[in-house]
Amino acid sequence: MIVVLHHKAYQQQLREAGLIASMSRKSMPYDNAVMESFFASLKQELTHHERFVDRDAARAEVFNYIESFYNRQRLHSSLDYRSPEAFENITE
């Protein structure tokens, strides 16, 4: 079942859950560029060619992709072609 919420109801649910919506500023498409890049990678490298038996299987595969591959092995041009883990381990 898909539930479509009016934007005010959506914002109310966020407030009740203690969350803050993150939205780009008007005429500023680069505010969300990092997440757009992440989701493009996720789709291209995992979900576009995968069929999941159920939501739990999808959740496990996405978790594995992020924790085992994306953060530990995948090289990121914005991090001088290092993985996020390697970048975090650089001592200055």
C-alpha atoms as a PDB file:
ATOM      1  CA  MET A   1       0.000   0.000   0.000  1.00  0.00           C
ATOM      2  CA  ILE A   2       1.361   3.398  -0.976  1.00  0.00           C
ATOM      3  CA  VAL A   3       0.445   6.344   1.202  1.00  0.00           C
ATOM      4  CA  VAL A   4       0.665   9.830  -0.249  1.00  0.00           C
ATOM      5  CA  LEU A   5       0.873  12.594   2.306  1.00  0.00           C
ATOM      6  CA  HIS A   6       0.055  16.226   1.814  1.00  0.00           C
ATOM      7  CA  HIS A   7       3.214  18.265   2.439  1.00  0.00           C
ATOM      8  CA  LYS A   8       1.825  19.708   5.687  1.00  0.00           C
ATOM      9  CA  ALA A   9       0.980  16.237   7.013  1.00  0.00           C
ATOM     10  CA  TYR A  10       4.465  15.073   5.989  1.00  0.00           C
ATOM     11  CA  GLN A  11       6.101  17.956   7.818  1.00  0.00           C
ATOM     12  CA  GLN A  12       3.929  17.248  10.882  1.00  0.00           C
ATOM     13  CA  GLN A  13       5.044  13.616  10.914  1.00  0.00           C
ATOM     14  CA  LEU A  14       8.671  14.710  10.698  1.00  0.00           C
ATOM     15  CA  ARG A  15       8.206  17.072  13.670  1.00  0.00           C
ATOM     16  CA  GLU A  16       6.482  14.365  15.715  1.00  0.00           C
ATOM     17  CA  ALA A  17       9.394  12.017  15.025  1.00  0.00           C
ATOM     18  CA  GLY A  18      11.888  14.711  16.055  1.00  0.00           C
ATOM     19  CA  LEU A  19      13.258  15.050  12.506  1.00  0.00           C
ATOM     20  CA  ILE A  20      14.070  18.089  10.420  1.00  0.00           C
ATOM     21  CA  ALA A  21      13.454  18.057   6.663  1.00  0.00           C
ATOM     22  CA  SER A  22      16.472  18.870   4.536  1.00  0.00           C
ATOM     23  CA  MET A  23      15.617  20.765   1.389  1.00  0.00           C
ATOM     24  CA  SER A  24      17.681  22.679  -1.104  1.00  0.00           C
ATOM     25  CA  ARG A  25      17.592  26.416  -1.129  1.00  0.00           C
ATOM     26  CA  LYS A  26      15.673  28.053  -3.935  1.00  0.00           C
ATOM     27  CA  SER A  27      17.723  28.066  -7.164  1.00  0.00           C
ATOM     28  CA  MET A  28      20.543  26.098  -5.523  1.00  0.00           C
ATOM     29  CA  PRO A  29      20.698  22.624  -7.106  1.00  0.00           C
ATOM     30  CA  TYR A  30      24.078  21.797  -5.563  1.00  0.00           C
ATOM     31  CA  ASP A  31      22.793  21.689  -1.974  1.00  0.00           C
ATOM     32  CA  ASN A  32      21.815  18.057  -2.397  1.00  0.00           C
ATOM     33  CA  ALA A  33      24.527  17.005  -4.860  1.00  0.00           C
ATOM     34  CA  VAL A  34      26.261  14.586  -2.491  1.00  0.00           C
ATOM     35  CA  MET A  35      23.081  12.617  -1.786  1.00  0.00           C
ATOM     36  CA  GLU A  36      22.066  12.691  -5.452  1.00  0.00           C
ATOM     37  CA  SER A  37      25.463  11.226  -6.320  1.00  0.00           C
ATOM     38  CA  PHE A  38      25.127   8.555  -3.620  1.00  0.00           C
ATOM     39  CA  PHE A  39      21.680   7.464  -4.810  1.00  0.00           C
ATOM     40  CA  ALA A  40      22.845   7.401  -8.438  1.00  0.00           C
ATOM     41  CA  SER A  41      25.711   5.095  -7.415  1.00  0.00           C
ATOM     42  CA  LEU A  42      23.417   2.899  -5.335  1.00  0.00           C
ATOM     43  CA  LYS A  43      20.993   2.480  -8.228  1.00  0.00           C
ATOM     44  CA  GLN A  44      23.665   1.878 -10.858  1.00  0.00           C
ATOM     45  CA  GLU A  45      25.794  -0.475  -8.768  1.00  0.00           C
ATOM     46  CA  LEU A  46      23.111  -2.423  -6.894  1.00  0.00           C
ATOM     47  CA  THR A  47      19.410  -1.944  -7.321  1.00  0.00           C
ATOM     48  CA  HIS A  48      18.992  -1.569 -11.104  1.00  0.00           C
ATOM     49  CA  HIS A  49      20.174  -5.116 -11.761  1.00  0.00           C
ATOM     50  CA  GLU A  50      18.908  -6.802  -8.596  1.00  0.00           C
ATOM     51  CA  ARG A  51      15.551  -8.329  -7.733  1.00  0.00           C
ATOM     52  CA  PHE A  52      14.863  -8.670  -4.037  1.00  0.00           C
ATOM     53  CA  VAL A  53      12.546 -11.326  -2.638  1.00  0.00           C
ATOM     54  CA  ASP A  54      11.173  -8.954  -0.023  1.00  0.00           C
ATOM     55  CA  ARG A  55      11.799  -5.699   1.808  1.00  0.00           C
ATOM     56  CA  ASP A  56      14.013  -7.342   4.434  1.00  0.00           C
ATOM     57  CA  ALA A  57      16.276  -8.775   1.717  1.00  0.00           C
ATOM     58  CA  ALA A  58      16.488  -5.353   0.046  1.00  0.00           C
ATOM     59  CA  ARG A  59      17.277  -3.685   3.364  1.00  0.00           C
ATOM     60  CA  ALA A  60      20.055  -6.214   4.065  1.00  0.00           C
ATOM     61  CA  GLU A  61      21.581  -5.792   0.608  1.00  0.00           C
ATOM     62  CA  VAL A  62      21.541  -1.993   0.813  1.00  0.00           C
ATOM     63  CA  PHE A  63      23.129  -2.146   4.276  1.00  0.00           C
ATOM     64  CA  ASN A  64      25.800  -4.517   2.952  1.00  0.00           C
ATOM     65  CA  TYR A  65      26.433  -2.272  -0.073  1.00  0.00           C
ATOM     66  CA  ILE A  66      26.932   0.789   2.124  1.00  0.00           C
ATOM     67  CA  GLU A  67      28.932  -0.804   4.936  1.00  0.00           C
ATOM     68  CA  SER A  68      31.022  -3.338   3.008  1.00  0.00           C
ATOM     69  CA  PHE A  69      31.534  -1.678  -0.355  1.00  0.00           C
ATOM     70  CA  TYR A  70      30.606   2.012  -0.546  1.00  0.00           C
ATOM     71  CA  ASN A  71      32.323   3.103   2.683  1.00  0.00           C
ATOM     72  CA  ARG A  72      35.258   0.669   2.690  1.00  0.00           C
ATOM     73  CA  GLN A  73      36.215  -0.111  -0.919  1.00  0.00           C
ATOM     74  CA  ARG A  74      34.618   2.292  -3.399  1.00  0.00           C
ATOM     75  CA  LEU A  75      36.917   5.098  -4.458  1.00  0.00           C
ATOM     76  CA  HIS A  76      35.384   8.589  -4.420  1.00  0.00           C
ATOM     77  CA  SER A  77      36.688  11.341  -6.671  1.00  0.00           C
ATOM     78  CA  SER A  78      35.712  13.970  -4.080  1.00  0.00           C
ATOM     79  CA  LEU A  79      38.030  12.219  -1.581  1.00  0.00           C
ATOM     80  CA  ASP A  80      41.071  12.162  -3.892  1.00  0.00           C
ATOM     81  CA  TYR A  81      40.125   8.662  -5.055  1.00  0.00           C
ATOM     82  CA  ARG A  82      40.080   7.143  -1.585  1.00  0.00           C
ATOM     83  CA  SER A  83      37.308   5.247   0.138  1.00  0.00           C
ATOM     84  CA  PRO A  84      35.482   7.101   2.925  1.00  0.00           C
ATOM     85  CA  GLU A  85      37.092   4.746   5.444  1.00  0.00           C
ATOM     86  CA  ALA A  86      40.593   5.429   4.110  1.00  0.00           C
ATOM     87  CA  PHE A  87      39.878   9.159   4.017  1.00  0.00           C
ATOM     88  CA  GLU A  88      38.720   9.134   7.652  1.00  0.00           C
ATOM     89  CA  ASN A  89      41.904   7.296   8.673  1.00  0.00           C
ATOM     90  CA  ILE A  90      44.248   9.927   7.255  1.00  0.00           C
ATOM     91  CA  THR A  91      46.192  11.529  10.086  1.00  0.00           C
ATOM     92  CA  GLU A  92      47.206  15.116   9.693  1.00  0.00           C
END
